[in-house]
Amino acid sequence: MTSGNVLYIAVCAAPAASGVEDLVVLAQAAGWRVYVIATPLSLRFIDADRLVSLPSEPVRASIRRSEASQAFAVRY
């Protein structure tokens, strides 16, 4: 069951970031659409490939120019 709820998770470079996968799974189980926005340095603390494999929205982990015409969330 999905709801209109959307959760944006911003992940920065810190050891606590390693728990983001659990947060995504729990939020999805509660019916949230989850977007993960990870800083480039946070990729050292998270398993981005695993996050991308979850049935969730794409993970954004790269910098893009504001005038770029691509969608907000881009797969890592």
C-alpha atoms as a PDB file:
ATOM      1  CA  MET A   1       0.000   0.000   0.000  1.00  0.00           C
ATOM      2  CA  THR A   2       1.374   3.370  -0.938  1.00  0.00           C
ATOM      3  CA  SER A   3       0.355   6.717   0.400  1.00  0.00           C
ATOM      4  CA  GLY A   4       0.963  10.245  -0.712  1.00  0.00           C
ATOM      5  CA  ASN A   5       3.767  10.494   1.818  1.00  0.00           C
ATOM      6  CA  VAL A   6       7.232  11.241   0.462  1.00  0.00           C
ATOM      7  CA  LEU A   7      10.406  11.101   2.548  1.00  0.00           C
ATOM      8  CA  TYR A   8      13.647  12.740   1.424  1.00  0.00           C
ATOM      9  CA  ILE A   9      16.688  11.455   3.309  1.00  0.00           C
ATOM     10  CA  ALA A  10      19.848  13.552   3.080  1.00  0.00           C
ATOM     11  CA  VAL A  11      22.934  11.499   3.886  1.00  0.00           C
ATOM     12  CA  CYS A  12      26.270  13.078   4.755  1.00  0.00           C
ATOM     13  CA  ALA A  13      29.694  11.612   5.479  1.00  0.00           C
ATOM     14  CA  ALA A  14      29.390  10.186   8.995  1.00  0.00           C
ATOM     15  CA  PRO A  15      29.430   6.669  10.455  1.00  0.00           C
ATOM     16  CA  ALA A  16      25.736   6.971  11.361  1.00  0.00           C
ATOM     17  CA  ALA A  17      24.973   7.078   7.633  1.00  0.00           C
ATOM     18  CA  SER A  18      25.540   3.324   7.490  1.00  0.00           C
ATOM     19  CA  GLY A  19      22.049   2.871   8.981  1.00  0.00           C
ATOM     20  CA  VAL A  20      20.266   4.618   6.106  1.00  0.00           C
ATOM     21  CA  GLU A  21      19.306   1.310   4.481  1.00  0.00           C
ATOM     22  CA  ASP A  22      17.333   0.316   7.587  1.00  0.00           C
ATOM     23  CA  LEU A  23      15.561   3.673   7.567  1.00  0.00           C
ATOM     24  CA  VAL A  24      14.620   3.252   3.897  1.00  0.00           C
ATOM     25  CA  VAL A  25      13.232  -0.249   4.482  1.00  0.00           C
ATOM     26  CA  LEU A  26      11.211   0.842   7.532  1.00  0.00           C
ATOM     27  CA  ALA A  27       9.818   3.905   5.779  1.00  0.00           C
ATOM     28  CA  GLN A  28       8.830   1.853   2.743  1.00  0.00           C
ATOM     29  CA  ALA A  29       7.100  -0.693   4.962  1.00  0.00           C
ATOM     30  CA  ALA A  30       5.079   2.180   6.418  1.00  0.00           C
ATOM     31  CA  GLY A  31       3.996   3.240   2.922  1.00  0.00           C
ATOM     32  CA  TRP A  32       6.408   6.094   2.244  1.00  0.00           C
ATOM     33  CA  ARG A  33       8.038   6.870  -1.100  1.00  0.00           C
ATOM     34  CA  VAL A  34      11.701   7.360  -0.217  1.00  0.00           C
ATOM     35  CA  TYR A  35      14.329   9.437  -1.994  1.00  0.00           C
ATOM     36  CA  VAL A  36      17.954   9.276  -0.818  1.00  0.00           C
ATOM     37  CA  ILE A  37      20.195  12.251  -1.497  1.00  0.00           C
ATOM     38  CA  ALA A  38      23.773  11.343  -0.632  1.00  0.00           C
ATOM     39  CA  THR A  39      26.771  13.633  -0.648  1.00  0.00           C
ATOM     40  CA  PRO A  40      29.695  12.285  -2.665  1.00  0.00           C
ATOM     41  CA  LEU A  41      31.745  11.698   0.507  1.00  0.00           C
ATOM     42  CA  SER A  42      28.880   9.827   2.193  1.00  0.00           C
ATOM     43  CA  LEU A  43      29.325   7.039  -0.351  1.00  0.00           C
ATOM     44  CA  ARG A  44      32.205   5.853   1.846  1.00  0.00           C
ATOM     45  CA  PHE A  45      29.702   5.047   4.612  1.00  0.00           C
ATOM     46  CA  ILE A  46      26.727   3.622   2.715  1.00  0.00           C
ATOM     47  CA  ASP A  47      26.162   0.761   0.326  1.00  0.00           C
ATOM     48  CA  ALA A  48      24.811   2.787  -2.595  1.00  0.00           C
ATOM     49  CA  ASP A  49      24.510  -0.276  -4.812  1.00  0.00           C
ATOM     50  CA  ARG A  50      22.313  -1.962  -2.200  1.00  0.00           C
ATOM     51  CA  LEU A  51      20.149   1.159  -1.834  1.00  0.00           C
ATOM     52  CA  VAL A  52      19.678   1.319  -5.597  1.00  0.00           C
ATOM     53  CA  SER A  53      18.611  -2.331  -5.610  1.00  0.00           C
ATOM     54  CA  LEU A  54      15.810  -1.691  -3.104  1.00  0.00           C
ATOM     55  CA  PRO A  55      12.377  -1.092  -4.602  1.00  0.00           C
ATOM     56  CA  SER A  56      12.623   2.630  -3.983  1.00  0.00           C
ATOM     57  CA  GLU A  57      13.125   5.875  -5.769  1.00  0.00           C
ATOM     58  CA  PRO A  58      16.557   6.514  -7.313  1.00  0.00           C
ATOM     59  CA  VAL A  59      19.527   7.573  -5.190  1.00  0.00           C
ATOM     60  CA  ARG A  60      21.055  10.954  -6.026  1.00  0.00           C
ATOM     61  CA  ALA A  61      24.758  11.142  -5.299  1.00  0.00           C
ATOM     62  CA  SER A  62      26.189  13.472  -7.890  1.00  0.00           C
ATOM     63  CA  ILE A  63      26.300  17.181  -8.314  1.00  0.00           C
ATOM     64  CA  ARG A  64      24.510  18.731 -11.262  1.00  0.00           C
ATOM     65  CA  ARG A  65      24.178  22.280 -12.429  1.00  0.00           C
ATOM     66  CA  SER A  66      20.878  23.907 -11.571  1.00  0.00           C
ATOM     67  CA  GLU A  67      20.123  24.688 -15.203  1.00  0.00           C
ATOM     68  CA  ALA A  68      20.430  21.005 -16.190  1.00  0.00           C
ATOM     69  CA  SER A  69      17.159  19.676 -17.502  1.00  0.00           C
ATOM     70  CA  GLN A  70      17.209  16.250 -15.882  1.00  0.00           C
ATOM     71  CA  ALA A  71      14.816  15.027 -13.217  1.00  0.00           C
ATOM     72  CA  PHE A  72      15.595  15.666  -9.554  1.00  0.00           C
ATOM     73  CA  ALA A  73      16.356  12.062  -8.612  1.00  0.00           C
ATOM     74  CA  VAL A  74      18.946  10.257 -10.699  1.00  0.00           C
ATOM     75  CA  ARG A  75      20.116   6.687 -10.141  1.00  0.00           C
ATOM     76  CA  TYR A  76      23.600   6.387  -8.691  1.00  0.00           C
END
